N, C-alpha and C. Protein backbone atom coordinates (compact mmCIF):
# COMPACT_ATOMS: atom_id res chain seq x y z
N UNK A 1 235.82 31.20 50.76
CA UNK A 1 236.88 30.03 50.43
C UNK A 1 236.82 28.82 51.55
N UNK A 2 236.29 27.75 51.01
CA UNK A 2 236.34 26.13 51.67
C UNK A 2 237.77 26.19 52.18
N UNK A 3 237.91 25.23 53.28
CA UNK A 3 239.00 24.89 53.62
C UNK A 3 239.32 23.71 53.11
N UNK A 4 240.68 23.22 52.54
CA UNK A 4 241.04 22.45 51.70
C UNK A 4 240.70 21.19 52.73
N UNK A 5 240.93 21.37 54.36
CA UNK A 5 240.67 20.07 54.47
C UNK A 5 240.07 20.78 56.29
N UNK A 6 238.92 20.50 56.42
CA UNK A 6 238.75 21.29 57.12
C UNK A 6 238.98 20.71 58.82
N UNK A 7 239.32 19.45 58.60
CA UNK A 7 239.75 18.86 59.59
C UNK A 7 241.39 18.77 60.45
N UNK A 8 241.88 19.77 59.18
CA UNK A 8 243.28 19.95 59.00
C UNK A 8 244.10 20.52 61.07
N UNK A 9 243.58 21.36 61.06
CA UNK A 9 243.87 21.77 62.53
C UNK A 9 243.99 21.12 63.65
N UNK A 10 242.39 20.48 63.55
CA UNK A 10 242.62 19.46 64.56
C UNK A 10 243.25 18.40 64.92
N UNK A 11 243.80 17.99 63.40
CA UNK A 11 244.60 16.72 63.84
C UNK A 11 246.25 16.90 63.52
N UNK A 12 246.37 18.05 62.74
CA UNK A 12 247.48 18.70 63.06
C UNK A 12 247.84 18.83 64.66
N UNK A 13 247.05 20.21 65.18
CA UNK A 13 247.54 19.78 66.87
C UNK A 13 247.85 18.89 67.68
N UNK A 14 246.51 17.53 67.34
CA UNK A 14 247.22 16.07 67.62
C UNK A 14 248.52 15.44 67.74
N UNK A 15 248.76 15.47 66.41
CA UNK A 15 249.93 14.99 66.14
C UNK A 15 251.21 16.32 66.52
N UNK A 16 251.03 17.14 66.75
CA UNK A 16 252.11 17.67 67.12
C UNK A 16 252.21 17.66 68.84
N UNK A 17 250.83 17.41 69.53
CA UNK A 17 251.29 17.43 70.62
C UNK A 17 251.85 15.97 70.81
N UNK A 18 251.54 15.24 70.41
CA UNK A 18 252.20 13.73 70.06
C UNK A 18 253.69 13.54 70.60
N UNK A 19 254.00 14.70 69.17
CA UNK A 19 256.04 14.67 69.22
C UNK A 19 256.36 15.83 70.10
N UNK A 20 255.56 16.46 71.03
CA UNK A 20 256.38 17.44 71.77
C UNK A 20 256.21 16.44 73.48
N UNK A 21 254.64 15.58 73.92
CA UNK A 21 254.59 15.12 74.71
C UNK A 21 254.03 13.14 74.32
N UNK A 22 255.11 12.33 74.17
CA UNK A 22 255.19 11.70 73.70
C UNK A 22 254.12 10.64 74.73
N UNK A 23 253.28 9.75 74.53
CA UNK A 23 252.87 8.79 75.59
C UNK A 23 253.51 8.19 76.43
N UNK A 24 253.54 7.13 77.38
CA UNK A 24 254.56 6.97 78.80
C UNK A 24 254.17 5.43 78.48
N UNK A 25 253.06 5.14 77.16
CA UNK A 25 253.05 3.15 77.60
C UNK A 25 253.86 2.44 76.42
N UNK A 26 255.08 3.69 75.88
CA UNK A 26 255.76 3.11 74.87
C UNK A 26 255.86 4.20 73.97
N UNK A 27 257.26 3.94 73.02
CA UNK A 27 257.72 4.72 72.38
C UNK A 27 256.67 4.94 71.21
N UNK A 28 257.34 6.34 70.63
CA UNK A 28 256.86 7.18 69.47
C UNK A 28 257.38 7.07 67.83
N UNK A 29 256.74 6.33 66.89
CA UNK A 29 257.67 6.13 66.01
C UNK A 29 257.40 7.19 64.55
N UNK A 30 258.07 8.49 63.88
CA UNK A 30 257.50 8.69 62.87
C UNK A 30 257.95 7.88 61.66
N UNK A 31 257.65 7.50 60.90
CA UNK A 31 257.65 6.49 60.00
C UNK A 31 257.38 7.08 58.61
N UNK A 32 258.35 6.85 57.52
CA UNK A 32 257.66 6.93 55.72
C UNK A 32 258.99 6.84 55.40
N UNK A 33 258.48 7.02 53.85
CA UNK A 33 259.96 7.14 53.13
C UNK A 33 260.20 7.87 52.34
N UNK A 34 261.34 7.96 52.17
CA UNK A 34 262.61 8.79 51.01
C UNK A 34 262.36 8.04 49.51
N UNK A 35 262.15 8.26 49.10
CA UNK A 35 261.96 7.49 47.11
C UNK A 35 262.75 8.20 46.17
N UNK A 36 262.68 7.23 45.52
CA UNK A 36 263.58 7.83 44.32
C UNK A 36 265.30 8.22 44.59
N UNK A 37 265.89 7.87 45.18
CA UNK A 37 267.33 8.22 45.67
C UNK A 37 268.02 7.25 44.36
N UNK A 38 268.80 8.44 43.97
CA UNK A 38 269.31 8.24 42.62
C UNK A 38 270.43 7.18 42.92
N UNK A 39 270.80 6.14 42.74
CA UNK A 39 271.94 5.35 42.76
C UNK A 39 272.93 5.88 41.45
N UNK A 40 274.00 6.69 41.60
CA UNK A 40 274.51 6.84 40.55
C UNK A 40 276.26 6.67 40.61
N UNK A 41 277.22 6.77 39.70
CA UNK A 41 278.82 7.14 40.34
C UNK A 41 279.22 8.02 39.16
N UNK A 42 280.16 8.79 39.20
CA UNK A 42 280.80 9.62 38.69
C UNK A 42 281.09 9.10 37.06
N UNK A 43 281.27 9.21 35.93
CA UNK A 43 281.92 8.50 34.72
C UNK A 43 283.04 8.91 34.84
N UNK A 44 284.08 9.71 35.82
CA UNK A 44 285.08 9.30 35.48
C UNK A 44 285.40 10.09 37.07
N UNK A 45 286.88 9.21 37.76
CA UNK A 45 286.98 9.05 38.89
C UNK A 45 287.33 10.44 39.47
N UNK A 46 286.90 11.20 40.44
CA UNK A 46 286.85 12.51 41.52
C UNK A 46 288.57 12.45 41.47
N UNK A 47 289.06 13.19 41.81
CA UNK A 47 290.26 13.97 42.33
C UNK A 47 290.32 14.31 43.41
N UNK A 48 291.14 14.29 44.25
CA UNK A 48 291.48 14.82 45.57
C UNK A 48 291.56 15.81 45.23
N UNK A 49 291.92 16.78 46.43
CA UNK A 49 292.45 18.23 46.69
C UNK A 49 294.18 17.71 46.81
N UNK A 50 294.81 18.84 46.27
CA UNK A 50 296.22 18.32 46.33
C UNK A 50 296.85 20.02 46.69
N UNK A 51 297.77 20.26 46.96
CA UNK A 51 298.38 21.66 47.27
C UNK A 51 298.23 22.89 46.35
N UNK A 52 297.95 23.49 47.10
CA UNK A 52 297.23 24.79 45.46
C UNK A 52 295.82 24.33 44.63
N UNK A 53 295.53 22.88 44.99
CA UNK A 53 294.42 22.76 43.85
C UNK A 53 293.14 22.12 44.75
N UNK A 54 291.98 22.28 44.65
CA UNK A 54 291.09 21.91 44.79
C UNK A 54 290.26 20.89 44.82
N UNK A 55 289.91 19.81 45.46
CA UNK A 55 289.05 18.81 44.85
C UNK A 55 288.64 18.74 43.39
N UNK A 56 288.47 17.67 42.56
CA UNK A 56 288.05 17.84 40.78
C UNK A 56 286.77 17.06 41.19
N UNK A 57 285.82 16.98 40.96
CA UNK A 57 284.28 16.32 40.82
C UNK A 57 283.81 16.06 39.27
N UNK A 58 283.63 14.78 38.46
CA UNK A 58 283.12 15.04 37.68
C UNK A 58 281.16 15.17 37.29
N UNK A 59 281.23 15.98 36.97
CA UNK A 59 279.82 16.06 36.57
C UNK A 59 279.22 15.46 35.79
N UNK A 60 279.22 14.54 34.86
CA UNK A 60 278.66 14.13 34.27
C UNK A 60 278.34 12.23 35.24
N UNK A 61 276.87 11.28 35.47
CA UNK A 61 277.35 10.30 35.81
C UNK A 61 276.81 9.14 35.09
N UNK A 62 277.49 8.07 35.81
CA UNK A 62 276.53 6.97 34.44
C UNK A 62 274.90 6.44 35.82
N UNK A 63 274.01 6.14 35.78
CA UNK A 63 272.92 5.67 36.64
C UNK A 63 272.62 5.00 36.60
N UNK A 64 272.43 4.20 38.09
CA UNK A 64 272.46 2.61 38.23
C UNK A 64 270.28 2.46 38.50
N UNK A 65 269.64 3.14 37.99
CA UNK A 65 268.47 3.08 38.82
C UNK A 65 268.10 4.07 40.33
N UNK A 66 267.00 3.37 41.12
CA UNK A 66 267.03 4.33 42.24
C UNK A 66 266.47 3.52 43.44
N UNK A 67 267.20 3.75 44.32
CA UNK A 67 267.15 3.26 45.40
C UNK A 67 265.73 4.10 46.46
N UNK A 68 265.19 3.11 47.89
CA UNK A 68 264.27 3.49 48.62
C UNK A 68 264.60 3.67 49.78
N UNK A 69 264.52 4.71 50.40
CA UNK A 69 264.76 4.55 52.22
C UNK A 69 263.40 4.18 53.08
N UNK A 70 263.29 3.22 53.75
CA UNK A 70 261.46 3.39 54.61
C UNK A 70 262.52 3.71 55.70
N UNK A 71 262.21 4.57 56.94
CA UNK A 71 262.58 4.83 58.44
C UNK A 71 261.68 5.28 59.68
N UNK A 72 262.50 4.94 60.58
CA UNK A 72 261.49 5.14 61.60
C UNK A 72 262.05 6.14 62.44
N UNK A 73 261.78 7.32 63.14
CA UNK A 73 262.36 7.91 63.66
C UNK A 73 261.86 8.63 65.05
N UNK A 74 262.36 7.71 65.97
CA UNK A 74 261.91 7.53 67.94
C UNK A 74 262.01 9.21 68.19
N UNK A 75 260.77 9.40 68.49
CA UNK A 75 260.31 10.72 68.62
C UNK A 75 261.12 10.88 70.66
N UNK A 76 261.51 9.55 71.17
CA UNK A 76 261.41 9.51 72.22
C UNK A 76 263.36 9.96 72.57
N UNK A 77 264.03 8.78 71.61
CA UNK A 77 265.48 8.90 72.01
C UNK A 77 266.12 9.54 70.86
N UNK A 78 265.47 9.89 69.43
CA UNK A 78 265.80 10.37 68.17
C UNK A 78 266.38 9.08 67.87
N UNK A 79 266.52 8.11 67.84
CA UNK A 79 267.03 6.98 67.23
C UNK A 79 266.01 6.63 65.89
N UNK A 80 267.26 6.06 64.81
CA UNK A 80 266.45 5.96 63.35
C UNK A 80 266.54 4.41 63.17
N UNK A 81 265.67 3.75 62.96
CA UNK A 81 265.47 2.24 62.46
C UNK A 81 265.37 2.67 61.05
N UNK A 82 266.27 1.49 60.01
CA UNK A 82 265.74 2.02 58.50
C UNK A 82 266.37 0.76 57.76
N UNK A 83 265.46 0.61 56.72
CA UNK A 83 266.19 0.06 55.64
C UNK A 83 265.91 0.61 54.17
N UNK A 84 267.22 -0.27 53.30
CA UNK A 84 267.02 0.48 51.98
C UNK A 84 266.81 -0.70 51.19
N UNK A 85 265.91 -0.61 49.96
CA UNK A 85 265.21 -1.28 49.12
C UNK A 85 265.17 -0.99 47.49
N UNK A 86 265.03 -1.96 46.66
CA UNK A 86 264.96 -1.46 45.18
C UNK A 86 263.30 -0.81 45.19
N UNK A 87 262.51 -1.25 46.20
CA UNK A 87 260.88 -0.65 46.41
C UNK A 87 260.45 -0.28 47.34
N UNK A 88 259.52 -0.05 47.18
CA UNK A 88 258.97 0.26 48.40
C UNK A 88 257.25 0.16 48.59
N UNK A 89 256.86 -1.33 49.02
CA UNK A 89 255.42 -1.54 49.07
C UNK A 89 255.33 -1.81 50.26
N UNK A 90 253.54 -2.81 50.74
CA UNK A 90 253.39 -2.69 52.03
C UNK A 90 254.37 -4.23 52.43
N UNK A 91 255.20 -4.75 51.62
CA UNK A 91 255.76 -5.78 52.27
C UNK A 91 257.20 -4.92 52.91
N UNK A 92 257.50 -3.99 52.14
CA UNK A 92 258.87 -3.43 53.04
C UNK A 92 258.45 -2.62 54.29
N UNK A 93 257.47 -2.28 54.08
CA UNK A 93 257.01 -1.08 55.73
C UNK A 93 256.64 -2.17 56.36
N UNK A 94 256.03 -3.58 56.33
CA UNK A 94 255.89 -4.25 57.16
C UNK A 94 257.42 -4.68 58.22
N UNK A 95 258.26 -4.73 57.05
CA UNK A 95 259.62 -5.23 57.47
C UNK A 95 259.81 -4.37 58.37
N UNK A 96 259.86 -2.92 58.08
CA UNK A 96 260.16 -1.75 59.32
C UNK A 96 259.59 -1.73 60.80
N UNK A 97 257.95 -2.26 60.24
CA UNK A 97 257.23 -2.65 61.41
C UNK A 97 257.47 -4.02 62.39
N UNK A 98 258.33 -4.81 61.38
CA UNK A 98 258.66 -6.39 62.29
C UNK A 98 260.31 -5.75 62.99
N UNK A 99 260.59 -4.63 62.40
CA UNK A 99 261.85 -3.97 63.28
C UNK A 99 261.78 -3.74 64.74
N UNK A 100 260.32 -2.69 64.18
CA UNK A 100 260.19 -2.08 65.69
C UNK A 100 259.90 -3.09 66.60
N UNK A 101 259.27 -4.37 66.73
CA UNK A 101 258.08 -5.10 67.20
C UNK A 101 259.17 -5.78 68.02
N UNK A 102 260.78 -6.07 67.44
CA UNK A 102 261.48 -6.73 67.79
C UNK A 102 262.42 -5.95 68.77
N UNK A 103 262.22 -4.44 68.41
CA UNK A 103 263.16 -3.72 69.35
C UNK A 103 262.58 -3.51 70.45
N UNK A 104 261.36 -2.84 70.95
CA UNK A 104 260.39 -2.34 71.82
C UNK A 104 259.99 -3.96 72.71
N UNK A 105 260.18 -3.62 73.53
CA UNK A 105 259.72 -4.96 74.86
C UNK A 105 258.29 -4.99 74.35
N UNK A 106 257.95 -6.06 74.75
CA UNK A 106 256.58 -7.08 74.75
C UNK A 106 255.93 -6.07 75.96
N UNK A 107 254.58 -6.20 75.42
CA UNK A 107 254.10 -5.03 76.50
C UNK A 107 253.73 -3.40 76.57
N UNK A 108 254.62 -2.73 75.73
CA UNK A 108 254.72 -1.63 75.61
C UNK A 108 254.00 -1.32 73.74
N UNK A 109 252.80 -0.55 74.09
CA UNK A 109 252.62 -0.03 72.65
C UNK A 109 253.44 1.27 71.87
N UNK A 110 253.51 0.61 70.39
CA UNK A 110 254.36 0.95 69.32
C UNK A 110 253.20 1.98 68.64
N UNK A 111 253.72 3.56 69.03
CA UNK A 111 252.46 4.72 68.52
C UNK A 111 253.35 4.84 67.29
N UNK A 112 252.77 4.79 66.16
CA UNK A 112 253.02 5.43 65.03
C UNK A 112 252.31 6.15 64.44
N UNK A 113 253.04 7.00 63.77
CA UNK A 113 252.60 8.28 63.30
C UNK A 113 252.97 8.21 61.72
N UNK A 114 251.86 8.23 61.22
CA UNK A 114 252.03 7.90 59.40
C UNK A 114 251.47 9.19 58.56
N UNK A 115 251.05 8.85 57.09
CA UNK A 115 250.81 9.12 56.22
C UNK A 115 249.65 8.74 56.28
N UNK A 116 248.44 9.34 55.40
CA UNK A 116 247.29 8.28 55.54
C UNK A 116 247.56 8.32 53.87
N UNK A 117 248.65 7.41 53.45
CA UNK A 117 248.55 6.76 52.19
C UNK A 117 248.25 5.14 51.79
N UNK A 118 248.02 4.73 50.97
CA UNK A 118 247.12 3.20 50.94
C UNK A 118 248.08 2.00 51.42
N UNK A 119 249.44 2.24 50.96
CA UNK A 119 250.32 0.97 51.23
C UNK A 119 250.37 1.29 52.93
N UNK A 120 250.41 2.26 53.58
CA UNK A 120 250.06 1.99 55.08
C UNK A 120 248.97 1.61 55.92
N UNK A 121 247.99 1.35 55.27
CA UNK A 121 246.63 0.74 55.36
C UNK A 121 245.88 -0.39 54.51
N UNK A 122 247.13 -1.08 54.01
CA UNK A 122 246.50 -1.81 52.97
C UNK A 122 246.22 -3.24 53.41
N UNK A 123 245.63 -3.62 52.77
CA UNK A 123 244.61 -5.45 53.49
C UNK A 123 246.16 -6.00 54.02
N UNK A 124 247.24 -6.06 53.67
CA UNK A 124 248.75 -6.89 54.06
C UNK A 124 248.94 -5.91 55.86
N UNK A 125 248.91 -5.07 55.51
CA UNK A 125 249.23 -4.48 56.88
C UNK A 125 248.28 -4.88 58.05
N UNK A 126 246.89 -4.67 57.51
CA UNK A 126 246.24 -4.26 58.39
C UNK A 126 246.12 -6.15 58.50
N UNK A 127 246.35 -6.95 57.99
CA UNK A 127 246.42 -8.45 58.88
C UNK A 127 247.86 -8.89 59.56
N UNK A 128 248.99 -7.76 59.42
CA UNK A 128 249.65 -8.14 59.96
C UNK A 128 249.61 -7.44 60.87
N UNK A 129 249.21 -6.65 61.53
CA UNK A 129 248.65 -5.81 62.67
C UNK A 129 247.37 -6.44 63.64
N UNK A 130 246.65 -6.82 62.54
CA UNK A 130 245.43 -8.16 63.25
C UNK A 130 246.17 -8.88 63.95
N UNK A 131 246.92 -9.85 63.89
CA UNK A 131 247.76 -10.95 64.08
C UNK A 131 248.49 -10.65 65.25
N UNK A 132 248.95 -8.86 66.01
CA UNK A 132 249.43 -8.61 67.09
C UNK A 132 248.61 -7.82 67.92
N UNK A 133 247.25 -8.23 68.42
CA UNK A 133 246.52 -6.92 68.70
C UNK A 133 246.73 -5.91 69.95
N UNK A 134 246.59 -4.81 69.73
CA UNK A 134 246.87 -3.82 70.69
C UNK A 134 248.41 -3.76 70.59
N UNK A 135 249.23 -3.98 69.79
CA UNK A 135 251.12 -4.08 70.18
C UNK A 135 251.13 -2.08 69.19
N UNK A 136 250.32 -1.99 68.12
CA UNK A 136 250.60 -1.02 67.38
C UNK A 136 249.58 -0.15 67.51
N UNK A 137 249.51 0.83 67.70
CA UNK A 137 248.20 2.30 67.01
C UNK A 137 248.96 3.71 66.26
N UNK A 138 248.05 3.55 65.51
CA UNK A 138 248.76 4.79 64.34
C UNK A 138 247.71 5.99 64.50
N UNK A 139 248.73 6.69 64.71
CA UNK A 139 248.50 8.45 64.47
C UNK A 139 248.45 9.01 62.94
N UNK A 140 247.38 8.72 62.23
CA UNK A 140 247.07 9.74 61.35
C UNK A 140 247.39 11.33 61.13
N UNK A 141 248.25 11.74 60.16
CA UNK A 141 249.08 13.05 60.01
C UNK A 141 248.01 13.38 59.15
N UNK A 142 247.53 14.74 58.85
CA UNK A 142 246.14 15.24 58.08
C UNK A 142 247.01 15.19 56.67
N UNK A 143 246.17 15.14 56.30
CA UNK A 143 246.06 14.80 54.40
C UNK A 143 247.17 16.00 54.04
N UNK A 144 248.48 15.63 52.99
CA UNK A 144 249.11 16.60 52.70
C UNK A 144 250.04 17.51 53.70
N UNK A 145 250.70 16.87 54.61
CA UNK A 145 250.93 17.02 55.72
C UNK A 145 252.25 16.23 56.32
N UNK A 146 252.66 15.72 55.61
CA UNK A 146 253.81 14.51 55.81
C UNK A 146 254.91 15.78 56.44
N UNK A 147 255.21 17.04 55.98
CA UNK A 147 255.77 17.91 57.18
C UNK A 147 255.66 18.30 58.60
N UNK A 148 254.78 17.77 58.94
CA UNK A 148 254.58 17.76 60.06
C UNK A 148 255.16 16.91 60.97
N UNK A 149 255.72 16.17 60.84
CA UNK A 149 256.16 14.59 60.97
C UNK A 149 257.75 14.96 60.72
N UNK A 150 258.32 14.65 62.19
CA UNK A 150 259.89 14.60 62.57
C UNK A 150 260.69 14.05 61.70
N UNK A 151 260.40 12.80 61.16
CA UNK A 151 260.70 12.30 60.39
C UNK A 151 261.67 12.97 58.64
N UNK A 152 260.68 13.50 58.40
CA UNK A 152 261.15 14.49 57.78
C UNK A 152 261.96 15.51 57.46
N UNK A 153 262.40 15.83 58.72
CA UNK A 153 263.77 16.53 59.21
C UNK A 153 264.39 15.76 59.21
N UNK A 154 264.72 14.09 59.71
CA UNK A 154 265.75 13.37 59.60
C UNK A 154 265.99 13.06 58.17
N UNK A 155 265.35 13.24 56.59
CA UNK A 155 265.29 12.53 55.73
C UNK A 155 266.00 14.14 55.46
N UNK A 156 266.16 15.36 56.04
CA UNK A 156 266.92 16.29 55.41
C UNK A 156 268.42 16.62 55.56
N UNK A 157 268.50 15.54 57.02
CA UNK A 157 269.96 15.67 57.37
C UNK A 157 270.65 14.37 56.89
N UNK A 158 270.10 13.36 56.29
CA UNK A 158 269.91 12.06 55.53
C UNK A 158 270.97 12.43 54.09
N UNK A 159 270.09 13.58 53.42
CA UNK A 159 270.20 14.44 51.80
C UNK A 159 271.37 14.96 52.09
N UNK A 160 271.61 15.93 53.47
CA UNK A 160 272.14 16.43 53.34
C UNK A 160 274.08 16.13 53.73
N UNK A 161 273.79 15.38 55.03
CA UNK A 161 274.85 14.56 55.16
C UNK A 161 275.38 12.94 54.48
N UNK A 162 274.45 12.34 53.93
CA UNK A 162 274.69 11.01 53.58
C UNK A 162 274.85 11.11 51.93
N UNK A 163 274.02 11.91 51.39
CA UNK A 163 273.47 11.43 50.13
C UNK A 163 274.19 12.82 49.12
N UNK A 164 274.40 13.65 49.26
CA UNK A 164 274.68 14.88 48.62
C UNK A 164 275.83 14.49 47.56
N UNK A 165 276.82 14.07 48.31
CA UNK A 165 277.91 13.55 47.04
C UNK A 165 278.20 11.87 46.97
N UNK A 166 277.22 11.38 47.19
CA UNK A 166 277.77 10.10 47.57
C UNK A 166 277.92 9.07 46.21
N UNK A 167 278.54 8.28 45.82
CA UNK A 167 279.32 7.60 44.49
C UNK A 167 278.76 6.57 45.30
N UNK A 168 277.70 5.82 44.29
CA UNK A 168 277.35 4.28 44.24
C UNK A 168 276.53 3.67 43.22
N UNK A 169 277.46 2.67 43.50
CA UNK A 169 277.47 1.44 42.15
C UNK A 169 276.14 1.11 41.78
N UNK A 170 275.42 1.13 42.82
CA UNK A 170 274.39 0.09 42.44
C UNK A 170 273.34 -0.19 44.10
N UNK A 171 272.78 -0.67 43.75
CA UNK A 171 271.23 -0.65 44.89
C UNK A 171 271.86 -1.30 46.09
N UNK A 172 272.82 -2.35 46.40
CA UNK A 172 273.57 -3.31 47.57
C UNK A 172 274.34 -2.34 47.82
N UNK A 173 275.52 -0.88 47.35
CA UNK A 173 275.74 -0.24 47.22
C UNK A 173 275.43 0.56 47.99
N UNK A 174 274.11 1.20 47.90
CA UNK A 174 273.72 2.25 48.35
C UNK A 174 273.16 2.04 49.78
N UNK A 175 272.54 0.63 49.87
CA UNK A 175 272.09 0.41 51.19
C UNK A 175 273.03 0.17 52.29
N UNK A 176 274.31 -0.34 51.74
CA UNK A 176 275.48 -0.28 52.63
C UNK A 176 276.14 1.40 53.20
N UNK A 177 275.73 2.26 51.94
CA UNK A 177 275.78 3.08 52.45
C UNK A 177 275.52 3.86 53.52
N UNK A 178 274.05 3.72 52.83
CA UNK A 178 272.94 4.41 54.29
C UNK A 178 272.98 3.64 55.58
N UNK A 179 273.08 2.48 55.72
CA UNK A 179 272.85 1.83 56.60
C UNK A 179 273.90 1.93 57.56
N UNK A 180 275.37 2.15 56.84
CA UNK A 180 276.37 2.91 57.80
C UNK A 180 276.65 4.27 58.25
N UNK A 181 275.28 4.99 57.55
CA UNK A 181 275.59 6.28 57.65
C UNK A 181 274.46 6.41 58.87
N UNK A 182 273.18 5.30 58.60
CA UNK A 182 272.07 5.22 60.27
C UNK A 182 272.69 4.31 61.42
N UNK A 183 274.03 4.34 61.33
CA UNK A 183 274.45 3.21 62.32
C UNK A 183 275.44 4.41 62.89
N UNK A 184 276.35 5.55 62.02
CA UNK A 184 276.80 5.94 63.19
C UNK A 184 276.14 7.09 63.28
N UNK A 185 275.10 7.67 63.01
CA UNK A 185 273.99 8.64 63.36
C UNK A 185 273.74 8.64 65.17
N UNK A 186 273.08 6.52 65.02
CA UNK A 186 272.68 6.51 66.05
C UNK A 186 273.30 6.52 67.53
N UNK A 187 274.64 6.03 67.00
CA UNK A 187 275.72 6.10 67.52
C UNK A 187 276.71 7.79 68.30
N UNK A 188 276.52 8.28 67.65
CA UNK A 188 276.81 9.91 67.78
C UNK A 188 276.33 11.05 67.92
N UNK A 189 275.30 10.67 66.65
CA UNK A 189 274.38 11.83 67.11
C UNK A 189 272.85 12.13 67.11
N UNK A 190 272.13 10.69 67.49
CA UNK A 190 270.88 10.76 68.23
C UNK A 190 270.44 11.41 69.05
N UNK A 191 269.26 12.24 69.18
CA UNK A 191 268.59 13.04 69.88
C UNK A 191 267.55 13.26 69.95
N UNK A 192 266.47 13.53 70.95
CA UNK A 192 265.34 13.87 70.19
C UNK A 192 265.18 15.28 69.79
N UNK A 193 264.58 15.27 69.03
CA UNK A 193 264.47 16.63 68.38
C UNK A 193 263.64 17.82 69.22
N UNK A 194 263.71 19.14 68.93
CA UNK A 194 263.06 20.01 69.69
C UNK A 194 262.03 20.83 68.22
N UNK A 195 260.93 21.41 68.70
CA UNK A 195 260.10 21.77 67.99
C UNK A 195 259.44 23.23 68.40
N UNK A 196 260.72 24.05 68.51
CA UNK A 196 260.38 25.36 68.30
C UNK A 196 259.32 26.21 67.62
N UNK A 197 259.37 26.19 66.90
CA UNK A 197 258.35 27.32 65.64
C UNK A 197 256.85 26.18 65.72
N UNK A 198 257.34 24.81 65.88
CA UNK A 198 256.21 23.79 65.97
C UNK A 198 255.12 24.74 67.30
N UNK A 199 255.77 24.61 68.27
CA UNK A 199 254.87 24.97 69.69
C UNK A 199 253.97 26.28 69.53
N UNK A 200 254.67 27.36 68.45
CA UNK A 200 253.81 28.79 68.37
C UNK A 200 253.29 28.33 67.07
N UNK A 201 252.79 27.35 66.28
CA UNK A 201 252.29 27.12 65.18
C UNK A 201 251.29 26.22 65.75
N UNK A 202 251.80 24.94 66.75
CA UNK A 202 250.36 24.61 67.41
C UNK A 202 249.48 25.77 68.27
N UNK A 203 250.32 26.52 68.68
CA UNK A 203 249.10 27.38 69.48
C UNK A 203 248.50 28.00 68.79
N UNK A 204 248.88 28.80 67.92
CA UNK A 204 247.86 28.97 66.56
C UNK A 204 246.71 28.78 66.21
N UNK A 205 246.66 27.20 65.80
CA UNK A 205 245.95 26.17 65.58
C UNK A 205 244.72 26.34 66.39
N UNK A 206 245.42 25.98 67.86
CA UNK A 206 244.46 26.10 68.64
C UNK A 206 243.92 27.23 69.30
N UNK A 207 244.24 28.11 69.01
CA UNK A 207 243.39 29.43 69.31
C UNK A 207 242.43 29.80 68.40
N UNK A 208 242.61 28.92 67.29
CA UNK A 208 241.48 29.04 65.95
C UNK A 208 240.40 27.93 66.13
N UNK A 209 240.91 26.80 66.43
CA UNK A 209 240.04 25.62 66.93
C UNK A 209 239.17 26.34 68.52
N UNK A 210 239.66 27.41 68.77
CA UNK A 210 239.16 27.64 70.42
C UNK A 210 237.73 28.61 69.54
N UNK A 211 238.27 29.28 68.55
CA UNK A 211 236.72 30.01 67.82
C UNK A 211 235.53 29.35 67.43
N UNK A 212 236.03 28.12 66.94
CA UNK A 212 235.38 27.15 66.28
C UNK A 212 234.02 26.18 67.20
N UNK A 213 233.28 25.87 66.71
CA UNK A 213 232.44 25.07 67.36
C UNK A 213 232.96 24.01 67.72
N UNK A 214 232.65 23.34 69.23
CA UNK A 214 233.26 21.87 69.56
C UNK A 214 232.88 21.26 68.74
N UNK A 215 233.74 19.92 68.32
CA UNK A 215 233.88 18.77 67.73
C UNK A 215 234.40 17.81 67.84
N UNK A 216 233.71 16.40 68.06
CA UNK A 216 234.55 15.19 68.55
C UNK A 216 235.50 15.45 67.94
N UNK A 217 237.01 14.82 68.73
CA UNK A 217 238.29 14.46 68.44
C UNK A 217 238.74 13.24 67.87
N UNK A 218 239.35 13.54 66.80
CA UNK A 218 239.83 12.43 66.09
C UNK A 218 241.06 12.52 65.29
N UNK A 219 241.75 11.23 65.45
CA UNK A 219 243.32 11.44 64.82
C UNK A 219 243.50 10.74 63.37
N UNK A 220 242.31 10.19 62.90
CA UNK A 220 242.33 9.21 61.90
C UNK A 220 241.59 10.27 60.26
N UNK A 221 242.19 10.39 59.52
CA UNK A 221 241.57 10.83 58.33
C UNK A 221 240.65 10.10 57.78
N UNK A 222 239.21 10.64 57.10
CA UNK A 222 238.68 9.92 56.54
C UNK A 222 238.37 8.90 55.30
N UNK A 223 239.67 8.92 54.89
CA UNK A 223 240.29 7.90 53.44
C UNK A 223 240.73 6.96 54.09
N UNK A 224 241.10 6.52 55.51
CA UNK A 224 242.00 5.69 55.92
C UNK A 224 241.23 4.81 57.14
N UNK A 225 241.06 3.55 57.52
CA UNK A 225 240.90 2.65 58.46
C UNK A 225 241.04 2.94 59.44
N UNK A 226 240.20 2.41 60.89
CA UNK A 226 240.83 2.38 62.07
C UNK A 226 241.55 1.23 62.24
N UNK A 227 243.02 1.04 61.99
CA UNK A 227 244.12 -0.03 62.37
C UNK A 227 244.10 -0.64 63.42
N UNK A 228 243.48 0.29 64.85
CA UNK A 228 243.58 -0.14 65.85
C UNK A 228 242.66 -1.23 65.90
N UNK A 229 241.96 -0.14 65.79
CA UNK A 229 240.07 -1.54 65.97
C UNK A 229 240.45 -2.63 65.39
N UNK A 230 241.08 -2.84 63.81
CA UNK A 230 241.39 -3.79 63.08
C UNK A 230 242.37 -4.60 63.81
N UNK A 231 242.78 -4.53 64.30
CA UNK A 231 244.21 -5.26 65.21
C UNK A 231 243.51 -5.73 66.16
């Protein structure tokens, strides 16, 4: 049986090594989107806990559409940069890139760990990077392997801690709620993630690669252009 992605092991090891041992010429960010967050509020007010009575929460909701979070997790510090928008397109992705270029001192390279989806290498993104040659370097995850990125761990924290019981009247309320959570997280909880299981998984992949014929290294999937070269 053929492997679904013959380059998976090689690319996965490269990404895990990048997160375990970030480059020294600039910070490394895992960037992705959490889409279709339900913007909703209970159909009736919730009742707080009282002596002898647990809190009560209405199970029926009024839905107000969805919101999307576009975020970058800094591997070096654990800090998060994020925005909340009604849509996720190249324009919103470039907003996140612009925030990162404002935060990172000139002269440092911004390393980006990205899914190889079209939005991340559209013509608009390529043009944005071309206007700042050498500023960003893209490192591509293997296909269907977003779970290798630290940003997915942070999205799980966001879901459990911030969104699970949130009551959101509209997209603006969702933006304030999530951005306040990001500020609190950065101020009190941000720290680099460990990758204990990833170390073991990476070693298994390295052993697997050692059994194969040597192949030229690449961190670029076949369906994505070399953005660093384009820039």
